[in-house]
Amino acid sequence: MSPNVKTAISLQEELFQKVNKLADELHVSRSKLFVMAVQDFIKKKENQNFLSQINDAFNDQPDSEEIKLKTKMRKKQIKNLEREPWQ
Protein backbone atom coordinates (compact mmCIF):
# COMPACT_ATOMS: atom_id res chain seq x y z
CA MET A 1 0.00 0.00 0.00
CA SER A 2 1.28 3.44 -0.91
CA PRO A 3 1.96 5.97 1.83
CA ASN A 4 -0.60 8.74 2.27
CA VAL A 5 0.27 12.28 1.30
CA LYS A 6 -1.43 15.31 2.80
CA THR A 7 -2.53 18.22 0.67
CA ALA A 8 -4.45 21.43 1.21
CA ILE A 9 -7.15 22.73 -1.10
CA SER A 10 -9.27 25.86 -1.13
CA LEU A 11 -13.04 25.63 -1.51
CA GLN A 12 -15.82 28.13 -1.58
CA GLU A 13 -17.74 28.10 1.68
CA GLU A 14 -20.91 26.78 0.05
CA LEU A 15 -19.10 23.83 -1.51
CA PHE A 16 -17.30 23.14 1.75
CA GLN A 17 -20.65 22.91 3.55
CA LYS A 18 -21.99 20.52 0.90
CA VAL A 19 -18.89 18.34 1.26
CA ASN A 20 -19.32 18.22 5.04
CA LYS A 21 -23.01 17.31 4.70
CA LEU A 22 -22.34 14.55 2.18
CA ALA A 23 -19.47 13.15 4.23
CA ASP A 24 -21.79 12.99 7.27
CA GLU A 25 -24.52 11.30 5.21
CA LEU A 26 -22.06 8.70 3.92
CA HIS A 27 -20.45 8.27 7.35
CA VAL A 28 -16.97 8.94 5.96
CA SER A 29 -14.40 11.61 6.67
CA ARG A 30 -14.01 14.60 4.37
CA SER A 31 -10.64 13.20 3.40
CA LYS A 32 -12.18 9.87 2.42
CA LEU A 33 -14.92 11.66 0.46
CA PHE A 34 -12.32 13.59 -1.55
CA VAL A 35 -10.41 10.36 -2.20
CA MET A 36 -13.59 8.68 -3.41
CA ALA A 37 -14.45 11.65 -5.63
CA VAL A 38 -10.99 11.81 -7.19
CA GLN A 39 -10.91 8.05 -7.75
CA ASP A 40 -14.30 8.24 -9.44
CA PHE A 41 -13.18 11.17 -11.60
CA ILE A 42 -10.00 9.35 -12.66
CA LYS A 43 -11.93 6.17 -13.49
CA LYS A 44 -14.42 8.12 -15.62
CA LYS A 45 -11.58 9.86 -17.44
CA GLU A 46 -9.83 6.52 -18.09
CA ASN A 47 -13.10 5.09 -19.43
CA GLN A 48 -13.58 8.13 -21.70
CA ASN A 49 -10.05 7.72 -23.04
CA PHE A 50 -10.60 3.99 -23.62
CA LEU A 51 -13.91 4.64 -25.41
CA SER A 52 -12.19 7.27 -27.54
CA GLN A 53 -9.52 4.74 -28.54
CA ILE A 54 -12.19 2.19 -29.44
CA ASN A 55 -14.09 4.76 -31.49
CA ASP A 56 -10.89 5.81 -33.28
CA ALA A 57 -10.18 2.18 -34.15
CA PHE A 58 -13.65 1.64 -35.58
CA ASN A 59 -13.56 4.93 -37.51
CA ASP A 60 -10.46 3.77 -39.35
CA GLN A 61 -11.37 3.72 -43.04
CA PRO A 62 -9.55 1.47 -45.50
CA ASP A 63 -6.84 3.17 -47.55
CA SER A 64 -6.52 2.77 -51.32
CA GLU A 65 -4.23 -0.28 -51.00
CA GLU A 66 -6.73 -2.05 -48.75
CA ILE A 67 -9.55 -1.26 -51.19
CA LYS A 68 -7.53 -2.67 -54.11
CA LEU A 69 -6.70 -5.81 -52.14
CA LYS A 70 -10.35 -6.27 -51.16
CA THR A 71 -11.44 -5.93 -54.79
CA LYS A 72 -8.86 -8.50 -55.95
CA MET A 73 -9.89 -10.91 -53.19
CA ARG A 74 -13.56 -10.54 -54.09
CA LYS A 75 -12.84 -11.27 -57.78
CA LYS A 76 -10.80 -14.33 -56.84
CA GLN A 77 -13.55 -15.61 -54.55
CA ILE A 78 -16.12 -15.18 -57.34
CA LYS A 79 -13.92 -17.17 -59.74
CA ASN A 80 -13.47 -19.91 -57.14
CA LEU A 81 -17.19 -20.10 -56.58
CA GLU A 82 -17.87 -20.26 -60.31
CA ARG A 83 -15.58 -23.31 -60.57
CA GLU A 84 -17.28 -25.12 -57.74
CA PRO A 85 -19.70 -27.82 -58.81
CA TRP A 86 -23.08 -26.97 -57.36
CA GLN A 87 -25.40 -29.87 -56.86
PDB file of N, CA and C in Angstrom:
ATOM      1  N   MET A   1       0.838  -1.174   0.000  1.00  0.00           N
ATOM      2  CA  MET A   1       0.000   0.000   0.000  1.00  0.00           C
ATOM      3  C   MET A   1       0.883   1.238   0.000  1.00  0.00           C
ATOM      4  N   SER A   2       0.509   2.201  -0.815  1.00  0.00           N
ATOM      5  CA  SER A   2       1.281   3.439  -0.905  1.00  0.00           C
ATOM      6  C   SER A   2       1.086   4.300   0.335  1.00  0.00           C
ATOM      7  N   PRO A   3       2.114   5.065   0.685  1.00  0.00           N
ATOM      8  CA  PRO A   3       1.955   5.967   1.834  1.00  0.00           C
ATOM      9  C   PRO A   3       1.004   7.111   1.478  1.00  0.00           C
ATOM     10  N   ASN A   4       0.303   7.609   2.473  1.00  0.00           N
ATOM     11  CA  ASN A   4      -0.600   8.738   2.271  1.00  0.00           C
ATOM     12  C   ASN A   4       0.181  10.030   2.202  1.00  0.00           C
ATOM     13  N   VAL A   5      -0.336  10.963   1.429  1.00  0.00           N
ATOM     14  CA  VAL A   5       0.266  12.283   1.297  1.00  0.00           C
ATOM     15  C   VAL A   5      -0.807  13.306   1.634  1.00  0.00           C
ATOM     16  N   LYS A   6      -0.464  14.271   2.447  1.00  0.00           N
ATOM     17  CA  LYS A   6      -1.427  15.310   2.803  1.00  0.00           C
ATOM     18  C   LYS A   6      -1.327  16.452   1.808  1.00  0.00           C
ATOM     19  N   THR A   7      -2.484  17.066   1.556  1.00  0.00           N
ATOM     20  CA  THR A   7      -2.526  18.224   0.673  1.00  0.00           C
ATOM     21  C   THR A   7      -3.584  19.185   1.194  1.00  0.00           C
ATOM     22  N   ALA A   8      -3.462  20.420   0.808  1.00  0.00           N
ATOM     23  CA  ALA A   8      -4.451  21.428   1.207  1.00  0.00           C
ATOM     24  C   ALA A   8      -5.119  21.961  -0.054  1.00  0.00           C
ATOM     25  N   ILE A   9      -6.421  22.151   0.030  1.00  0.00           N
ATOM     26  CA  ILE A   9      -7.149  22.726  -1.096  1.00  0.00           C
ATOM     27  C   ILE A   9      -8.029  23.857  -0.590  1.00  0.00           C
ATOM     28  N   SER A  10      -8.379  24.754  -1.486  1.00  0.00           N
ATOM     29  CA  SER A  10      -9.271  25.859  -1.133  1.00  0.00           C
ATOM     30  C   SER A  10     -10.615  25.628  -1.802  1.00  0.00           C
ATOM     31  N   LEU A  11     -11.677  25.809  -1.006  1.00  0.00           N
ATOM     32  CA  LEU A  11     -13.036  25.634  -1.511  1.00  0.00           C
ATOM     33  C   LEU A  11     -13.866  26.854  -1.147  1.00  0.00           C
ATOM     34  N   GLN A  12     -14.855  27.110  -1.964  1.00  0.00           N
ATOM     35  CA  GLN A  12     -15.819  28.133  -1.582  1.00  0.00           C
ATOM     36  C   GLN A  12     -16.604  27.600  -0.393  1.00  0.00           C
ATOM     37  N   GLU A  13     -17.039  28.491   0.457  1.00  0.00           N
ATOM     38  CA  GLU A  13     -17.741  28.104   1.683  1.00  0.00           C
ATOM     39  C   GLU A  13     -18.950  27.219   1.393  1.00  0.00           C
ATOM     40  N   GLU A  14     -19.717  27.548   0.379  1.00  0.00           N
ATOM     41  CA  GLU A  14     -20.913  26.785   0.049  1.00  0.00           C
ATOM     42  C   GLU A  14     -20.565  25.341  -0.330  1.00  0.00           C
ATOM     43  N   LEU A  15     -19.530  25.178  -1.127  1.00  0.00           N
ATOM     44  CA  LEU A  15     -19.101  23.834  -1.515  1.00  0.00           C
ATOM     45  C   LEU A  15     -18.571  23.078  -0.308  1.00  0.00           C
ATOM     46  N   PHE A  16     -17.829  23.763   0.536  1.00  0.00           N
ATOM     47  CA  PHE A  16     -17.305  23.142   1.752  1.00  0.00           C
ATOM     48  C   PHE A  16     -18.438  22.593   2.619  1.00  0.00           C
ATOM     49  N   GLN A  17     -19.504  23.350   2.761  1.00  0.00           N
ATOM     50  CA  GLN A  17     -20.652  22.910   3.552  1.00  0.00           C
ATOM     51  C   GLN A  17     -21.317  21.679   2.923  1.00  0.00           C
ATOM     52  N   LYS A  18     -21.412  21.670   1.589  1.00  0.00           N
ATOM     53  CA  LYS A  18     -21.992  20.516   0.896  1.00  0.00           C
ATOM     54  C   LYS A  18     -21.124  19.274   1.079  1.00  0.00           C
ATOM     55  N   VAL A  19     -19.818  19.457   1.051  1.00  0.00           N
ATOM     56  CA  VAL A  19     -18.888  18.342   1.264  1.00  0.00           C
ATOM     57  C   VAL A  19     -19.070  17.788   2.671  1.00  0.00           C
ATOM     58  N   ASN A  20     -19.130  18.667   3.650  1.00  0.00           N
ATOM     59  CA  ASN A  20     -19.325  18.220   5.038  1.00  0.00           C
ATOM     60  C   ASN A  20     -20.633  17.451   5.185  1.00  0.00           C
ATOM     61  N   LYS A  21     -21.706  17.967   4.593  1.00  0.00           N
ATOM     62  CA  LYS A  21     -23.008  17.313   4.699  1.00  0.00           C
ATOM     63  C   LYS A  21     -22.978  15.927   4.053  1.00  0.00           C
ATOM     64  N   LEU A  22     -22.400  15.843   2.870  1.00  0.00           N
ATOM     65  CA  LEU A  22     -22.339  14.555   2.180  1.00  0.00           C
ATOM     66  C   LEU A  22     -21.462  13.562   2.943  1.00  0.00           C
ATOM     67  N   ALA A  23     -20.346  14.032   3.446  1.00  0.00           N
ATOM     68  CA  ALA A  23     -19.470  13.146   4.233  1.00  0.00           C
ATOM     69  C   ALA A  23     -20.216  12.598   5.444  1.00  0.00           C
ATOM     70  N   ASP A  24     -20.992  13.445   6.113  1.00  0.00           N
ATOM     71  CA  ASP A  24     -21.789  12.988   7.266  1.00  0.00           C
ATOM     72  C   ASP A  24     -22.818  11.956   6.832  1.00  0.00           C
ATOM     73  N   GLU A  25     -23.497  12.226   5.697  1.00  0.00           N
ATOM     74  CA  GLU A  25     -24.522  11.300   5.212  1.00  0.00           C
ATOM     75  C   GLU A  25     -23.928   9.930   4.861  1.00  0.00           C
ATOM     76  N   LEU A  26     -22.723   9.946   4.322  1.00  0.00           N
ATOM     77  CA  LEU A  26     -22.063   8.697   3.920  1.00  0.00           C
ATOM     78  C   LEU A  26     -21.270   8.056   5.054  1.00  0.00           C
ATOM     79  N   HIS A  27     -21.201   8.739   6.174  1.00  0.00           N
ATOM     80  CA  HIS A  27     -20.448   8.267   7.347  1.00  0.00           C
ATOM     81  C   HIS A  27     -18.976   8.027   7.000  1.00  0.00           C
ATOM     82  N   VAL A  28     -18.403   8.986   6.279  1.00  0.00           N
ATOM     83  CA  VAL A  28     -16.968   8.943   5.963  1.00  0.00           C
ATOM     84  C   VAL A  28     -16.371  10.298   6.297  1.00  0.00           C
ATOM     85  N   SER A  29     -15.074  10.329   6.408  1.00  0.00           N
ATOM     86  CA  SER A  29     -14.401  11.605   6.668  1.00  0.00           C
ATOM     87  C   SER A  29     -14.387  12.442   5.386  1.00  0.00           C
ATOM     88  N   ARG A  30     -14.166  13.728   5.552  1.00  0.00           N
ATOM     89  CA  ARG A  30     -14.011  14.603   4.372  1.00  0.00           C
ATOM     90  C   ARG A  30     -12.876  14.098   3.505  1.00  0.00           C
ATOM     91  N   SER A  31     -11.797  13.699   4.136  1.00  0.00           N
ATOM     92  CA  SER A  31     -10.640  13.204   3.398  1.00  0.00           C
ATOM     93  C   SER A  31     -11.025  12.000   2.543  1.00  0.00           C
ATOM     94  N   LYS A  32     -11.746  11.064   3.149  1.00  0.00           N
ATOM     95  CA  LYS A  32     -12.180   9.867   2.421  1.00  0.00           C
ATOM     96  C   LYS A  32     -13.120  10.248   1.279  1.00  0.00           C
ATOM     97  N   LEU A  33     -14.004  11.216   1.509  1.00  0.00           N
ATOM     98  CA  LEU A  33     -14.922  11.662   0.463  1.00  0.00           C
ATOM     99  C   LEU A  33     -14.153  12.240  -0.727  1.00  0.00           C
ATOM    100  N   PHE A  34     -13.137  13.040  -0.454  1.00  0.00           N
ATOM    101  CA  PHE A  34     -12.323  13.586  -1.547  1.00  0.00           C
ATOM    102  C   PHE A  34     -11.587  12.473  -2.298  1.00  0.00           C
ATOM    103  N   VAL A  35     -11.080  11.500  -1.554  1.00  0.00           N
ATOM    104  CA  VAL A  35     -10.406  10.365  -2.197  1.00  0.00           C
ATOM    105  C   VAL A  35     -11.383   9.629  -3.103  1.00  0.00           C
ATOM    106  N   MET A  36     -12.579   9.372  -2.609  1.00  0.00           N
ATOM    107  CA  MET A  36     -13.591   8.683  -3.408  1.00  0.00           C
ATOM    108  C   MET A  36     -13.944   9.492  -4.665  1.00  0.00           C
ATOM    109  N   ALA A  37     -14.086  10.788  -4.499  1.00  0.00           N
ATOM    110  CA  ALA A  37     -14.449  11.647  -5.634  1.00  0.00           C
ATOM    111  C   ALA A  37     -13.341  11.669  -6.687  1.00  0.00           C
ATOM    112  N   VAL A  38     -12.106  11.775  -6.245  1.00  0.00           N
ATOM    113  CA  VAL A  38     -10.989  11.809  -7.190  1.00  0.00           C
ATOM    114  C   VAL A  38     -10.836  10.456  -7.884  1.00  0.00           C
ATOM    115  N   GLN A  39     -10.983   9.376  -7.133  1.00  0.00           N
ATOM    116  CA  GLN A  39     -10.907   8.049  -7.748  1.00  0.00           C
ATOM    117  C   GLN A  39     -11.994   7.876  -8.803  1.00  0.00           C
ATOM    118  N   ASP A  40     -13.192   8.326  -8.494  1.00  0.00           N
ATOM    119  CA  ASP A  40     -14.304   8.244  -9.442  1.00  0.00           C
ATOM    120  C   ASP A  40     -14.014   9.086 -10.683  1.00  0.00           C
ATOM    121  N   PHE A  41     -13.507  10.281 -10.486  1.00  0.00           N
ATOM    122  CA  PHE A  41     -13.184  11.166 -11.603  1.00  0.00           C
ATOM    123  C   PHE A  41     -12.119  10.537 -12.497  1.00  0.00           C
ATOM    124  N   ILE A  42     -11.081   9.991 -11.891  1.00  0.00           N
ATOM    125  CA  ILE A  42      -9.997   9.354 -12.664  1.00  0.00           C
ATOM    126  C   ILE A  42     -10.530   8.160 -13.442  1.00  0.00           C
ATOM    127  N   LYS A  43     -11.360   7.343 -12.815  1.00  0.00           N
ATOM    128  CA  LYS A  43     -11.926   6.170 -13.488  1.00  0.00           C
ATOM    129  C   LYS A  43     -12.780   6.597 -14.682  1.00  0.00           C
ATOM    130  N   LYS A  44     -13.591   7.621 -14.512  1.00  0.00           N
ATOM    131  CA  LYS A  44     -14.417   8.121 -15.621  1.00  0.00           C
ATOM    132  C   LYS A  44     -13.545   8.632 -16.753  1.00  0.00           C
ATOM    133  N   LYS A  45     -12.490   9.336 -16.420  1.00  0.00           N
ATOM    134  CA  LYS A  45     -11.578   9.862 -17.444  1.00  0.00           C
ATOM    135  C   LYS A  45     -10.893   8.716 -18.186  1.00  0.00           C
ATOM    136  N   GLU A  46     -10.452   7.682 -17.458  1.00  0.00           N
ATOM    137  CA  GLU A  46      -9.834   6.515 -18.093  1.00  0.00           C
ATOM    138  C   GLU A  46     -10.828   5.835 -19.037  1.00  0.00           C
ATOM    139  N   ASN A  47     -12.079   5.708 -18.589  1.00  0.00           N
ATOM    140  CA  ASN A  47     -13.102   5.090 -19.427  1.00  0.00           C
ATOM    141  C   ASN A  47     -13.371   5.925 -20.682  1.00  0.00           C
ATOM    142  N   GLN A  48     -13.396   7.249 -20.539  1.00  0.00           N
ATOM    143  CA  GLN A  48     -13.585   8.128 -21.695  1.00  0.00           C
ATOM    144  C   GLN A  48     -12.436   7.965 -22.682  1.00  0.00           C
ATOM    145  N   ASN A  49     -11.219   7.893 -22.168  1.00  0.00           N
ATOM    146  CA  ASN A  49     -10.054   7.716 -23.035  1.00  0.00           C
ATOM    147  C   ASN A  49     -10.109   6.377 -23.759  1.00  0.00           C
ATOM    148  N   PHE A  50     -10.502   5.326 -23.041  1.00  0.00           N
ATOM    149  CA  PHE A  50     -10.602   3.994 -23.622  1.00  0.00           C
ATOM    150  C   PHE A  50     -11.679   3.970 -24.711  1.00  0.00           C
ATOM    151  N   LEU A  51     -12.827   4.575 -24.427  1.00  0.00           N
ATOM    152  CA  LEU A  51     -13.905   4.644 -25.410  1.00  0.00           C
ATOM    153  C   LEU A  51     -13.460   5.433 -26.641  1.00  0.00           C
ATOM    154  N   SER A  52     -12.720   6.482 -26.431  1.00  0.00           N
ATOM    155  CA  SER A  52     -12.194   7.274 -27.543  1.00  0.00           C
ATOM    156  C   SER A  52     -11.259   6.439 -28.413  1.00  0.00           C
ATOM    157  N   GLN A  53     -10.415   5.621 -27.785  1.00  0.00           N
ATOM    158  CA  GLN A  53      -9.516   4.742 -28.536  1.00  0.00           C
ATOM    159  C   GLN A  53     -10.304   3.708 -29.336  1.00  0.00           C
ATOM    160  N   ILE A  54     -11.348   3.163 -28.732  1.00  0.00           N
ATOM    161  CA  ILE A  54     -12.188   2.190 -29.443  1.00  0.00           C
ATOM    162  C   ILE A  54     -12.865   2.860 -30.631  1.00  0.00           C
ATOM    163  N   ASN A  55     -13.425   4.042 -30.405  1.00  0.00           N
ATOM    164  CA  ASN A  55     -14.088   4.765 -31.493  1.00  0.00           C
ATOM    165  C   ASN A  55     -13.113   5.106 -32.609  1.00  0.00           C
ATOM    166  N   ASP A  56     -11.912   5.504 -32.257  1.00  0.00           N
ATOM    167  CA  ASP A  56     -10.894   5.811 -33.276  1.00  0.00           C
ATOM    168  C   ASP A  56     -10.576   4.565 -34.100  1.00  0.00           C
ATOM    169  N   ALA A  57     -10.492   3.421 -33.445  1.00  0.00           N
ATOM    170  CA  ALA A  57     -10.176   2.176 -34.154  1.00  0.00           C
ATOM    171  C   ALA A  57     -11.291   1.802 -35.125  1.00  0.00           C
ATOM    172  N   PHE A  58     -12.534   1.996 -34.719  1.00  0.00           N
ATOM    173  CA  PHE A  58     -13.653   1.644 -35.585  1.00  0.00           C
ATOM    174  C   PHE A  58     -13.899   2.690 -36.671  1.00  0.00           C
ATOM    175  N   ASN A  59     -13.400   3.892 -36.492  1.00  0.00           N
ATOM    176  CA  ASN A  59     -13.557   4.933 -37.505  1.00  0.00           C
ATOM    177  C   ASN A  59     -12.485   4.859 -38.578  1.00  0.00           C
ATOM    178  N   ASP A  60     -11.555   3.939 -38.395  1.00  0.00           N
ATOM    179  CA  ASP A  60     -10.459   3.771 -39.347  1.00  0.00           C
ATOM    180  C   ASP A  60     -11.023   3.273 -40.683  1.00  0.00           C
ATOM    181  N   GLN A  61     -10.887   4.071 -41.716  1.00  0.00           N
ATOM    182  CA  GLN A  61     -11.375   3.717 -43.043  1.00  0.00           C
ATOM    183  C   GLN A  61     -10.246   3.058 -43.837  1.00  0.00           C
ATOM    184  N   PRO A  62     -10.597   2.120 -44.719  1.00  0.00           N
ATOM    185  CA  PRO A  62      -9.545   1.466 -45.503  1.00  0.00           C
ATOM    186  C   PRO A  62      -8.873   2.457 -46.459  1.00  0.00           C
ATOM    187  N   ASP A  63      -7.560   2.317 -46.599  1.00  0.00           N
ATOM    188  CA  ASP A  63      -6.843   3.170 -47.549  1.00  0.00           C
ATOM    189  C   ASP A  63      -6.955   2.561 -48.949  1.00  0.00           C
ATOM    190  N   SER A  64      -6.376   3.218 -49.926  1.00  0.00           N
ATOM    191  CA  SER A  64      -6.515   2.772 -51.319  1.00  0.00           C
ATOM    192  C   SER A  64      -5.927   1.376 -51.533  1.00  0.00           C
ATOM    193  N   GLU A  65      -4.833   1.053 -50.863  1.00  0.00           N
ATOM    194  CA  GLU A  65      -4.235  -0.282 -50.997  1.00  0.00           C
ATOM    195  C   GLU A  65      -5.172  -1.357 -50.453  1.00  0.00           C
ATOM    196  N   GLU A  66      -5.789  -1.083 -49.329  1.00  0.00           N
ATOM    197  CA  GLU A  66      -6.728  -2.048 -48.751  1.00  0.00           C
ATOM    198  C   GLU A  66      -7.940  -2.240 -49.664  1.00  0.00           C
ATOM    199  N   ILE A  67      -8.405  -1.177 -50.268  1.00  0.00           N
ATOM    200  CA  ILE A  67      -9.548  -1.262 -51.186  1.00  0.00           C
ATOM    201  C   ILE A  67      -9.177  -2.101 -52.411  1.00  0.00           C
ATOM    202  N   LYS A  68      -7.990  -1.878 -52.956  1.00  0.00           N
ATOM    203  CA  LYS A  68      -7.533  -2.667 -54.111  1.00  0.00           C
ATOM    204  C   LYS A  68      -7.430  -4.146 -53.748  1.00  0.00           C
ATOM    205  N   LEU A  69      -6.847  -4.428 -52.590  1.00  0.00           N
ATOM    206  CA  LEU A  69      -6.703  -5.814 -52.145  1.00  0.00           C
ATOM    207  C   LEU A  69      -8.075  -6.464 -51.959  1.00  0.00           C
ATOM    208  N   LYS A  70      -9.004  -5.747 -51.365  1.00  0.00           N
ATOM    209  CA  LYS A  70     -10.353  -6.270 -51.158  1.00  0.00           C
ATOM    210  C   LYS A  70     -11.022  -6.586 -52.498  1.00  0.00           C
ATOM    211  N   THR A  71     -10.852  -5.711 -53.462  1.00  0.00           N
ATOM    212  CA  THR A  71     -11.436  -5.930 -54.788  1.00  0.00           C
ATOM    213  C   THR A  71     -10.844  -7.168 -55.444  1.00  0.00           C
ATOM    214  N   LYS A  72      -9.522  -7.322 -55.378  1.00  0.00           N
ATOM    215  CA  LYS A  72      -8.861  -8.497 -55.946  1.00  0.00           C
ATOM    216  C   LYS A  72      -9.335  -9.775 -55.259  1.00  0.00           C
ATOM    217  N   MET A  73      -9.446  -9.727 -53.936  1.00  0.00           N
ATOM    218  CA  MET A  73      -9.888 -10.907 -53.189  1.00  0.00           C
ATOM    219  C   MET A  73     -11.321 -11.276 -53.576  1.00  0.00           C
ATOM    220  N   ARG A  74     -12.165 -10.277 -53.721  1.00  0.00           N
ATOM    221  CA  ARG A  74     -13.556 -10.542 -54.089  1.00  0.00           C
ATOM    222  C   ARG A  74     -13.635 -11.203 -55.470  1.00  0.00           C
ATOM    223  N   LYS A  75     -12.856 -10.688 -56.434  1.00  0.00           N
ATOM    224  CA  LYS A  75     -12.844 -11.268 -57.782  1.00  0.00           C
ATOM    225  C   LYS A  75     -12.364 -12.718 -57.746  1.00  0.00           C
ATOM    226  N   LYS A  76     -11.324 -12.967 -56.946  1.00  0.00           N
ATOM    227  CA  LYS A  76     -10.803 -14.329 -56.838  1.00  0.00           C
ATOM    228  C   LYS A  76     -11.833 -15.257 -56.203  1.00  0.00           C
ATOM    229  N   GLN A  77     -12.526 -14.798 -55.196  1.00  0.00           N
ATOM    230  CA  GLN A  77     -13.553 -15.608 -54.553  1.00  0.00           C
ATOM    231  C   GLN A  77     -14.684 -15.920 -55.529  1.00  0.00           C
ATOM    232  N   ILE A  78     -15.073 -14.951 -56.345  1.00  0.00           N
ATOM    233  CA  ILE A  78     -16.121 -15.180 -57.340  1.00  0.00           C
ATOM    234  C   ILE A  78     -15.680 -16.244 -58.332  1.00  0.00           C
ATOM    235  N   LYS A  79     -14.436 -16.150 -58.804  1.00  0.00           N
ATOM    236  CA  LYS A  79     -13.916 -17.166 -59.738  1.00  0.00           C
ATOM    237  C   LYS A  79     -13.923 -18.546 -59.089  1.00  0.00           C
ATOM    238  N   ASN A  80     -13.486 -18.627 -57.853  1.00  0.00           N
ATOM    239  CA  ASN A  80     -13.466 -19.909 -57.143  1.00  0.00           C
ATOM    240  C   ASN A  80     -14.872 -20.478 -57.000  1.00  0.00           C
ATOM    241  N   LEU A  81     -15.812 -19.628 -56.727  1.00  0.00           N
ATOM    242  CA  LEU A  81     -17.192 -20.097 -56.583  1.00  0.00           C
ATOM    243  C   LEU A  81     -17.762 -20.557 -57.923  1.00  0.00           C
ATOM    244  N   GLU A  82     -17.379 -19.873 -58.983  1.00  0.00           N
ATOM    245  CA  GLU A  82     -17.873 -20.260 -60.306  1.00  0.00           C
ATOM    246  C   GLU A  82     -17.346 -21.639 -60.710  1.00  0.00           C
ATOM    247  N   ARG A  83     -16.170 -22.006 -60.243  1.00  0.00           N
ATOM    248  CA  ARG A  83     -15.575 -23.306 -60.572  1.00  0.00           C
ATOM    249  C   ARG A  83     -16.119 -24.442 -59.724  1.00  0.00           C
ATOM    250  N   GLU A  84     -16.744 -24.111 -58.635  1.00  0.00           N
ATOM    251  CA  GLU A  84     -17.283 -25.125 -57.738  1.00  0.00           C
ATOM    252  C   GLU A  84     -18.488 -25.813 -58.379  1.00  0.00           C
ATOM    253  N   PRO A  85     -18.510 -27.126 -58.304  1.00  0.00           N
ATOM    254  CA  PRO A  85     -19.702 -27.824 -58.812  1.00  0.00           C
ATOM    255  C   PRO A  85     -20.835 -27.690 -57.803  1.00  0.00           C
ATOM    256  N   TRP A  86     -21.921 -27.137 -58.237  1.00  0.00           N
ATOM    257  CA  TRP A  86     -23.084 -26.969 -57.360  1.00  0.00           C
ATOM    258  C   TRP A  86     -24.089 -28.057 -57.666  1.00  0.00           C
ATOM    259  N   GLN A  87     -24.475 -28.744 -56.659  1.00  0.00           N
ATOM    260  CA  GLN A  87     -25.400 -29.866 -56.858  1.00  0.00           C
ATOM    261  C   GLN A  87     -26.793 -29.512 -56.424  1.00  0.00           C
TER     262      GLN A  87
END
